[in-house]
Amino acid sequence: MTKAPSFARKIRMNFLVLTSLMFLLFWGLIYFAQDRLEVISLEHRLTTETKEYVKNYKRYGFRADKPDPQELDTYWSKEELPQWLQTYQQAGFFEEQLGQEDKHFLVTKHPSGQGWLYVVYQDDADDYLDEYEDRLHLITFLVGAIFLIAVIGYGMYFVRLISRPLIEIEHKIDAMAPNKPAFTVDTEYKETQSIEHTLLNNKAQIAAYFQREQEFSRFASHELRTPIMVIKGSTELLKKVPNMPGIASKAVTRIDEAGHQMQILTEAFLLLGKEEIEPHHFSNEPLSSHIHQALETMVQYFAKQNISYQLQEREAGCVEAPSSFVDIVMVNLIKNAFSYSIGDIQVELDRQTLTVMNHHQGNDLHNSGYGCGLAIIERICSRMAWQFETHNDGQSFVAKVVFEGQPSHVVH
């Protein structure tokens, strides 16, 4: 069985991933906004200086003062122009990477009406916002880190808040066994208290079921075995009566056989009801003798149906099991085959594998009588770890039991 993932760990991981994504998104938005603000600020200054120059040019012409000569370079396309600026022949704000220098500049129509006017930041003149950017980045990182730590801390608290009552409920589930003491409803929340009340009620029901099962097993062990022994003892006495009529002799034989079957069923049901089967109930049972006994028993019950059997044995083996389990499995398989068959049944015993086949051709036949059907066979095979298979093709029914396996709940 694979180990299930931890619910609390799952919540913690989701919180960590979510808060990390939120931090990255927060820092990314701030960084993007700061970058755009820097561009807007640089463009705004160039635009302001250029408008002032154009205004003065209209008044003073070429004598007008150029934009801030300490930080800005001004070029006219009709005069000497740097090579890298010559490709810009349209108005707008641009950025050009020249080696390690990042140039920002504005291109507009020259106020003379001829050519283009270029207003360019001098080297490092457009870096006056760098200190502000560094402070903004630091503040953003610190705020984001504090936010991340706070959310992670709250996430851990929230996970603990949820997982603590669930862990308590998990411990109480371990106490559901009838031999464990009752627990109290002590979690803090309405929903978890409802689960605890349900568990507590189910624990009481399980304990009641367990007590009834123990009482039934105890009563069956003492109260049923006594009348069965009385019946068997009485039939033994009746068999000694001389000159008994034939019909009475048959009745005594049937009573003796019924008592024997009641004894086998009682022992088998008591063993199935046990949590653990003691070793003294196990013996080395020869499968051949059991199958012969089961066939002889069932043949006399179904003699009026003119149905017989064909038995094929190949090196019949033995099985270590309670005798009653082997008897019930074989007798029920033979009984079911006789009950629903429209012809002879085929029985094959190959080492420890028993196969019983009967032909029914789709007819729904039913005969009442002894037998617990396939349900009890499945229960016994499951308890003894025997392989049990059935197959019905619409014409014939095949049942197979392999008397091999490691039985569960056996005291060694």
Protein backbone atom coordinates (compact mmCIF):
# COMPACT_ATOMS: atom_id res chain seq x y z
CA MET A 1 0.00 0.00 0.00
CA THR A 2 1.46 3.31 -1.07
CA LYS A 3 1.81 6.03 1.52
CA ALA A 4 -0.70 8.87 1.08
CA PRO A 5 0.61 12.44 0.96
CA SER A 6 0.32 14.66 4.02
CA PHE A 7 -2.62 17.07 3.97
CA ALA A 8 -0.78 19.60 6.15
CA ARG A 9 2.36 19.44 3.99
CA LYS A 10 0.22 19.92 0.89
CA ILE A 11 -1.29 23.09 2.35
CA ARG A 12 2.12 24.38 3.42
CA MET A 13 3.58 23.85 -0.05
CA ASN A 14 0.60 25.55 -1.69
CA PHE A 15 0.94 28.53 0.65
CA LEU A 16 4.67 28.76 -0.03
CA VAL A 17 4.24 28.61 -3.80
CA LEU A 18 1.34 31.07 -3.75
CA THR A 19 3.12 33.63 -1.57
CA SER A 20 6.32 33.30 -3.62
CA LEU A 21 4.38 33.96 -6.79
CA MET A 22 2.67 36.93 -5.14
CA PHE A 23 6.04 38.32 -4.06
CA LEU A 24 7.51 37.91 -7.55
CA LEU A 25 4.44 39.53 -9.08
CA PHE A 26 4.59 42.39 -6.58
CA TRP A 27 8.30 42.99 -7.14
CA GLY A 28 7.91 42.66 -10.92
CA LEU A 29 5.08 45.19 -11.04
CA ILE A 30 7.09 47.67 -8.97
CA TYR A 31 10.15 47.17 -11.15
CA PHE A 32 8.12 47.63 -14.34
CA ALA A 33 6.37 50.70 -12.95
CA GLN A 34 9.69 52.23 -11.84
CA ASP A 35 11.22 51.58 -15.27
CA ARG A 36 8.29 53.23 -17.00
CA LEU A 37 8.39 56.17 -14.59
CA GLU A 38 12.08 56.64 -15.35
CA VAL A 39 11.38 56.75 -19.08
CA ILE A 40 8.49 59.18 -18.57
CA SER A 41 10.66 61.40 -16.38
CA LEU A 42 13.54 61.46 -18.89
CA GLU A 43 11.18 62.11 -21.80
CA HIS A 44 9.40 64.84 -19.88
CA ARG A 45 12.60 66.76 -19.24
CA LEU A 46 13.71 66.52 -22.87
CA THR A 47 10.27 67.63 -24.03
CA THR A 48 10.25 70.58 -21.63
CA GLU A 49 13.74 71.73 -22.67
CA THR A 50 12.88 71.33 -26.37
CA LYS A 51 9.65 73.32 -26.10
CA GLU A 52 11.51 76.10 -24.32
CA TYR A 53 14.15 76.14 -27.07
CA VAL A 54 11.51 76.23 -29.83
CA LYS A 55 9.78 79.10 -28.05
CA ASN A 56 13.01 81.07 -27.76
CA TYR A 57 14.01 80.19 -31.34
CA LYS A 58 10.87 81.84 -32.63
CA ARG A 59 11.89 85.00 -30.80
CA TYR A 60 15.68 85.05 -31.15
CA GLY A 61 16.37 82.66 -33.99
CA PHE A 62 19.81 81.06 -33.96
CA ARG A 63 20.78 83.28 -31.01
CA ALA A 64 18.33 81.41 -28.76
CA ASP A 65 19.93 79.46 -25.92
CA LYS A 66 20.08 75.76 -26.59
CA PRO A 67 18.66 73.23 -24.10
CA ASP A 68 20.72 72.85 -20.90
CA PRO A 69 24.27 72.63 -22.35
CA GLN A 70 25.66 71.17 -19.10
CA GLU A 71 23.67 67.94 -19.41
CA LEU A 72 22.22 67.98 -22.93
CA ASP A 73 23.73 67.96 -26.42
CA THR A 74 21.77 69.57 -29.24
CA TYR A 75 22.21 68.62 -32.89
CA TRP A 76 20.69 69.77 -36.19
CA SER A 77 20.51 67.41 -39.12
CA LYS A 78 21.73 70.22 -41.42
CA GLU A 79 24.94 70.50 -39.42
CA GLU A 80 27.49 68.04 -38.13
CA LEU A 81 25.70 64.99 -36.73
CA PRO A 82 27.00 61.82 -34.98
CA GLN A 83 26.86 58.77 -37.22
CA TRP A 84 24.50 56.78 -34.92
CA LEU A 85 21.90 59.60 -34.96
CA GLN A 86 21.63 59.76 -38.72
CA THR A 87 19.32 56.74 -38.90
CA TYR A 88 16.62 58.47 -36.82
CA GLN A 89 14.47 60.43 -39.29
CA GLN A 90 11.15 60.63 -37.44
CA ALA A 91 9.84 62.42 -34.37
CA GLY A 92 9.77 60.63 -31.03
CA PHE A 93 11.60 59.63 -27.87
CA PHE A 94 14.28 56.96 -28.39
CA GLU A 95 16.88 54.93 -26.58
CA GLU A 96 20.16 53.75 -28.10
CA GLN A 97 22.76 51.45 -26.51
CA LEU A 98 26.26 52.64 -27.38
CA GLY A 99 28.66 50.16 -25.80
CA GLN A 100 28.11 50.47 -22.06
CA GLU A 101 26.34 53.82 -22.38
CA ASP A 102 22.57 53.93 -22.66
CA LYS A 103 21.56 57.04 -24.63
CA HIS A 104 18.14 58.67 -24.31
CA PHE A 105 17.18 61.40 -26.78
CA LEU A 106 14.27 63.24 -28.38
CA VAL A 107 13.80 63.85 -32.11
CA THR A 108 11.55 66.71 -33.33
CA LYS A 109 11.22 68.96 -36.36
CA HIS A 110 13.73 71.81 -36.25
CA PRO A 111 12.00 75.14 -35.45
CA SER A 112 13.48 76.60 -38.64
CA GLY A 113 11.29 74.21 -40.61
CA GLN A 114 14.29 72.42 -42.14
CA GLY A 115 15.67 69.09 -40.96
CA TRP A 116 15.50 67.45 -37.55
CA LEU A 117 16.38 68.65 -34.08
CA TYR A 118 18.08 66.13 -31.75
CA VAL A 119 18.26 66.74 -27.99
CA VAL A 120 20.49 64.07 -26.41
CA TYR A 121 21.50 63.41 -22.83
CA GLN A 122 25.23 63.64 -22.34
CA ASP A 123 27.16 60.63 -21.03
CA ASP A 124 25.79 59.59 -17.61
CA ALA A 125 23.52 62.66 -17.51
CA ASP A 126 20.43 60.46 -17.73
CA ASP A 127 21.56 58.43 -14.69
CA TYR A 128 20.44 60.97 -12.14
CA LEU A 129 17.55 58.67 -11.24
CA ASP A 130 19.81 55.67 -10.49
CA GLU A 131 20.10 56.47 -6.80
CA TYR A 132 16.35 56.77 -6.57
CA GLU A 133 15.99 53.48 -8.45
CA ASP A 134 18.36 51.70 -6.05
CA ARG A 135 16.45 52.99 -3.04
CA LEU A 136 13.16 52.00 -4.64
CA HIS A 137 14.44 48.52 -5.42
CA LEU A 138 15.74 48.09 -1.87
CA ILE A 139 12.48 49.28 -0.35
CA THR A 140 10.51 47.06 -2.71
CA PHE A 141 12.64 44.04 -1.83
CA LEU A 142 12.37 44.69 1.92
CA VAL A 143 8.62 45.23 1.78
CA GLY A 144 8.20 42.13 -0.35
CA ALA A 145 10.42 40.04 1.96
CA ILE A 146 8.48 41.22 5.01
CA PHE A 147 5.24 40.46 3.22
CA LEU A 148 6.51 37.01 2.21
CA ILE A 149 7.65 36.16 5.75
CA ALA A 150 4.35 37.41 7.19
CA VAL A 151 2.28 35.34 4.77
CA ILE A 152 4.44 32.25 5.33
CA GLY A 153 4.07 32.71 9.07
CA TYR A 154 0.33 33.08 8.74
CA GLY A 155 0.28 30.05 6.43
CA MET A 156 2.08 27.94 9.04
CA TYR A 157 -0.38 29.12 11.67
CA PHE A 158 -3.33 28.41 9.37
CA VAL A 159 -2.03 24.93 8.53
CA ARG A 160 -1.55 24.17 12.21
CA LEU A 161 -5.05 25.49 12.88
CA ILE A 162 -6.51 23.05 10.34
CA SER A 163 -4.23 20.07 10.86
CA ARG A 164 -4.37 19.94 14.66
CA PRO A 165 -8.03 18.81 14.91
CA LEU A 166 -7.50 16.44 11.96
CA ILE A 167 -4.53 14.85 13.74
CA GLU A 168 -6.66 14.48 16.87
CA ILE A 169 -9.39 12.80 14.81
CA GLU A 170 -6.77 10.51 13.24
CA HIS A 171 -5.66 9.40 16.71
CA LYS A 172 -9.28 8.76 17.65
CA ILE A 173 -9.78 6.62 14.56
CA ASP A 174 -6.98 4.41 15.91
CA ALA A 175 -9.10 4.01 19.07
CA MET A 176 -12.14 2.68 17.17
CA ALA A 177 -11.35 -0.92 18.08
CA PRO A 178 -13.78 -2.37 20.68
CA ASN A 179 -10.94 -3.15 23.10
CA LYS A 180 -9.83 0.49 23.18
CA PRO A 181 -11.33 2.94 25.73
CA ALA A 182 -13.90 5.49 24.60
CA PHE A 183 -12.63 8.95 23.72
CA THR A 184 -14.10 12.38 24.39
CA VAL A 185 -15.27 15.01 21.89
CA ASP A 186 -12.79 17.81 22.55
CA THR A 187 -11.95 19.56 19.27
CA GLU A 188 -12.83 23.24 18.93
CA TYR A 189 -14.89 23.36 15.77
CA LYS A 190 -18.46 22.36 14.93
CA GLU A 191 -17.47 20.39 11.83
CA THR A 192 -14.77 18.32 13.56
CA GLN A 193 -17.03 17.77 16.58
CA SER A 194 -19.64 16.33 14.21
CA ILE A 195 -17.02 13.90 12.88
CA GLU A 196 -16.02 12.96 16.43
CA HIS A 197 -19.65 12.33 17.42
CA THR A 198 -20.07 10.11 14.36
CA LEU A 199 -16.89 8.19 15.20
CA LEU A 200 -18.00 7.80 18.82
CA ASN A 201 -21.44 6.49 17.79
CA ASN A 202 -19.85 4.09 15.31
CA LYS A 203 -17.44 2.92 18.00
CA ALA A 204 -20.39 2.15 20.27
CA GLN A 205 -22.14 0.26 17.44
CA ILE A 206 -18.99 -1.70 16.62
CA ALA A 207 -18.58 -2.60 20.28
CA ALA A 208 -22.23 -3.73 20.39
CA TYR A 209 -21.82 -5.81 17.23
CA PHE A 210 -18.64 -7.32 18.62
CA GLN A 211 -20.33 -8.14 21.92
CA ARG A 212 -23.29 -9.78 20.16
CA GLU A 213 -20.92 -11.80 18.00
CA GLN A 214 -18.96 -12.94 21.03
CA GLU A 215 -22.17 -13.81 22.86
CA PHE A 216 -23.47 -15.73 19.84
CA SER A 217 -20.22 -17.62 19.54
CA ARG A 218 -20.30 -18.43 23.23
CA PHE A 219 -23.96 -19.48 23.17
CA ALA A 220 -23.46 -21.48 19.97
CA SER A 221 -20.43 -23.15 21.44
CA HIS A 222 -22.28 -24.25 24.57
CA GLU A 223 -26.01 -24.28 23.73
CA LEU A 224 -25.90 -25.75 20.18
CA ARG A 225 -23.31 -28.42 20.75
CA THR A 226 -25.33 -29.97 23.57
CA PRO A 227 -28.51 -30.69 21.55
CA ILE A 228 -26.39 -31.84 18.61
CA MET A 229 -24.65 -34.35 20.83
CA VAL A 230 -28.06 -35.43 22.19
CA ILE A 231 -29.35 -35.98 18.64
CA LYS A 232 -26.29 -37.96 17.63
CA GLY A 233 -26.42 -40.03 20.83
CA SER A 234 -30.13 -40.71 20.32
CA THR A 235 -29.61 -41.84 16.74
CA GLU A 236 -26.88 -44.20 17.89
CA LEU A 237 -29.33 -45.72 20.38
CA LEU A 238 -32.11 -45.96 17.78
CA LYS A 239 -29.80 -47.81 15.41
CA LYS A 240 -29.50 -50.54 18.06
CA VAL A 241 -33.27 -51.14 18.18
CA PRO A 242 -33.94 -54.63 16.69
CA ASN A 243 -36.40 -55.28 13.88
CA MET A 244 -36.81 -51.57 13.08
CA PRO A 245 -39.10 -50.91 10.07
CA GLY A 246 -37.34 -49.83 6.89
CA ILE A 247 -38.93 -46.38 6.84
CA ALA A 248 -37.88 -45.79 10.45
CA SER A 249 -34.35 -46.94 9.67
CA LYS A 250 -34.15 -44.44 6.80
CA ALA A 251 -35.44 -41.68 9.06
CA VAL A 252 -32.83 -42.47 11.70
CA THR A 253 -30.10 -42.43 9.05
CA ARG A 254 -31.26 -39.03 7.77
CA ILE A 255 -31.41 -37.66 11.33
CA ASP A 256 -27.90 -38.94 11.98
CA GLU A 257 -26.62 -37.37 8.77
CA ALA A 258 -28.37 -34.05 9.55
CA GLY A 259 -26.86 -34.05 13.03
CA HIS A 260 -23.43 -34.65 11.53
CA GLN A 261 -23.89 -31.75 9.11
CA MET A 262 -25.14 -29.49 11.94
CA GLN A 263 -22.01 -30.35 13.91
CA ILE A 264 -19.76 -29.53 10.95
CA LEU A 265 -21.57 -26.23 10.27
CA THR A 266 -21.48 -25.19 13.91
CA GLU A 267 -17.75 -25.84 14.18
CA ALA A 268 -17.07 -24.03 10.90
CA PHE A 269 -19.14 -20.98 11.80
CA LEU A 270 -17.52 -20.76 15.22
CA LEU A 271 -14.08 -20.88 13.62
CA LEU A 272 -15.04 -18.24 11.04
CA GLY A 273 -16.26 -16.02 13.85
CA LYS A 274 -12.93 -16.18 15.63
CA GLU A 275 -10.45 -13.37 15.07
CA GLU A 276 -7.62 -15.91 15.27
CA ILE A 277 -7.77 -19.68 14.75
CA GLU A 278 -5.72 -21.79 17.17
CA PRO A 279 -3.32 -24.39 15.72
CA HIS A 280 -5.11 -27.36 17.32
CA HIS A 281 -8.02 -26.85 14.90
CA PHE A 282 -5.72 -27.64 11.97
CA SER A 283 -4.95 -31.14 10.75
CA ASN A 284 -3.54 -32.75 7.63
CA GLU A 285 -6.69 -33.53 5.64
CA PRO A 286 -6.54 -35.93 2.65
CA LEU A 287 -8.60 -34.37 -0.13
CA SER A 288 -9.44 -37.70 -1.76
CA SER A 289 -11.32 -39.08 1.25
CA HIS A 290 -13.24 -35.81 1.67
CA ILE A 291 -14.38 -35.71 -1.96
CA HIS A 292 -15.50 -39.36 -1.87
CA GLN A 293 -17.47 -38.73 1.31
CA ALA A 294 -19.09 -35.58 -0.14
CA LEU A 295 -20.09 -37.39 -3.35
CA GLU A 296 -21.59 -40.36 -1.48
CA THR A 297 -23.56 -37.99 0.76
CA MET A 298 -24.97 -35.92 -2.11
CA VAL A 299 -25.76 -38.88 -4.38
CA GLN A 300 -28.33 -40.24 -1.96
CA TYR A 301 -30.00 -36.83 -1.70
CA PHE A 302 -30.36 -36.47 -5.48
CA ALA A 303 -31.00 -40.09 -6.39
CA LYS A 304 -34.54 -39.28 -7.58
CA GLN A 305 -33.16 -36.87 -10.22
CA ASN A 306 -31.35 -39.71 -11.98
CA ILE A 307 -28.15 -37.65 -11.84
CA SER A 308 -24.79 -39.22 -11.21
CA TYR A 309 -21.19 -38.07 -11.32
CA GLN A 310 -17.86 -38.81 -12.97
CA LEU A 311 -14.82 -38.49 -10.71
CA GLN A 312 -11.30 -38.20 -12.05
CA GLU A 313 -8.38 -38.14 -9.61
CA ARG A 314 -4.74 -37.33 -10.36
CA GLU A 315 -2.35 -37.64 -7.44
CA ALA A 316 -4.78 -36.23 -4.88
CA GLY A 317 -2.94 -34.30 -2.20
CA CYS A 318 -3.55 -33.08 1.33
CA VAL A 319 -4.24 -29.71 2.91
CA GLU A 320 -3.47 -28.33 6.37
CA ALA A 321 -6.84 -26.96 7.47
CA PRO A 322 -9.81 -27.51 9.80
CA SER A 323 -11.70 -30.61 8.67
CA SER A 324 -15.05 -28.78 8.76
CA PHE A 325 -13.79 -26.17 6.27
CA VAL A 326 -12.82 -28.83 3.73
CA ASP A 327 -16.13 -30.67 4.20
CA ILE A 328 -18.29 -27.58 3.76
CA VAL A 329 -16.45 -26.38 0.66
CA MET A 330 -16.64 -29.76 -1.07
CA VAL A 331 -20.20 -30.61 -0.02
CA ASN A 332 -21.52 -27.22 -1.13
CA LEU A 333 -19.74 -27.40 -4.47
CA ILE A 334 -21.19 -30.88 -5.12
CA LYS A 335 -24.63 -29.87 -3.82
CA ASN A 336 -24.78 -26.78 -6.06
CA ALA A 337 -23.66 -28.81 -9.05
CA PHE A 338 -26.36 -31.45 -8.44
CA SER A 339 -29.01 -28.76 -7.80
CA TYR A 340 -28.61 -26.99 -11.12
CA SER A 341 -27.41 -29.77 -13.40
CA ILE A 342 -29.52 -31.40 -16.13
CA GLY A 343 -27.08 -34.28 -16.46
CA ASP A 344 -24.15 -35.96 -14.80
CA ILE A 345 -21.59 -33.71 -13.13
CA GLN A 346 -17.84 -33.90 -13.75
CA VAL A 347 -15.52 -33.79 -10.73
CA GLU A 348 -11.76 -33.57 -11.10
CA LEU A 349 -9.21 -33.63 -8.26
CA ASP A 350 -5.68 -32.85 -9.42
CA ARG A 351 -3.27 -32.70 -6.49
CA GLN A 352 -4.72 -29.77 -4.51
CA THR A 353 -7.06 -28.40 -7.18
CA LEU A 354 -10.74 -29.39 -7.18
CA THR A 355 -12.85 -28.63 -10.28
CA VAL A 356 -16.61 -29.28 -10.43
CA MET A 357 -18.59 -28.79 -13.67
CA ASN A 358 -22.29 -29.20 -14.35
CA HIS A 359 -24.38 -28.58 -17.48
CA HIS A 360 -27.50 -26.45 -17.09
CA GLN A 361 -28.06 -25.06 -20.62
CA GLY A 362 -29.53 -21.89 -19.21
CA ASN A 363 -32.26 -23.59 -17.17
CA ASP A 364 -32.95 -21.97 -13.80
CA LEU A 365 -33.27 -24.97 -11.53
CA HIS A 366 -33.53 -24.83 -7.77
CA ASN A 367 -33.62 -27.57 -5.21
CA SER A 368 -33.93 -26.87 -1.52
CA GLY A 369 -31.84 -28.72 0.99
CA TYR A 370 -28.55 -28.59 2.83
CA GLY A 371 -25.98 -26.03 1.77
CA CYS A 372 -24.91 -22.45 2.31
CA GLY A 373 -24.17 -21.75 -1.35
CA LEU A 374 -21.22 -20.00 -2.87
CA ALA A 375 -21.20 -17.25 -0.21
CA ILE A 376 -19.95 -19.53 2.55
CA ILE A 377 -17.44 -21.08 0.13
CA GLU A 378 -16.07 -17.65 -0.70
CA ARG A 379 -15.87 -16.78 3.01
CA ILE A 380 -13.93 -19.93 3.87
CA CYS A 381 -11.60 -19.62 0.86
CA SER A 382 -10.91 -16.00 1.71
CA ARG A 383 -10.10 -16.89 5.33
CA MET A 384 -7.83 -19.79 4.31
CA ALA A 385 -6.28 -17.91 1.34
CA TRP A 386 -7.52 -20.61 -1.05
CA GLN A 387 -8.05 -19.64 -4.66
CA PHE A 388 -11.72 -19.85 -5.67
CA GLU A 389 -12.96 -19.25 -9.23
CA THR A 390 -16.26 -19.73 -11.06
CA HIS A 391 -17.16 -19.53 -14.72
CA ASN A 392 -20.56 -19.63 -16.40
CA ASP A 393 -20.80 -19.66 -20.21
CA GLY A 394 -24.59 -20.03 -20.34
CA GLN A 395 -24.44 -23.78 -20.96
CA SER A 396 -22.26 -25.07 -18.14
CA PHE A 397 -21.03 -23.85 -14.77
CA VAL A 398 -17.48 -24.52 -13.58
CA ALA A 399 -16.22 -23.99 -10.02
CA LYS A 400 -12.58 -24.44 -9.05
CA VAL A 401 -10.88 -24.36 -5.66
CA VAL A 402 -7.12 -24.53 -5.14
CA PHE A 403 -6.43 -25.71 -1.57
CA GLU A 404 -3.17 -23.78 -1.23
CA GLY A 405 -2.26 -20.56 0.53
CA GLN A 406 -1.27 -18.92 3.79
CA PRO A 407 -4.37 -18.55 6.00
CA SER A 408 -4.87 -15.22 7.73
CA HIS A 409 -5.35 -14.65 11.49
CA VAL A 410 -3.87 -17.95 12.63
CA VAL A 411 -2.14 -18.21 15.99
CA HIS A 412 1.26 -19.88 15.58
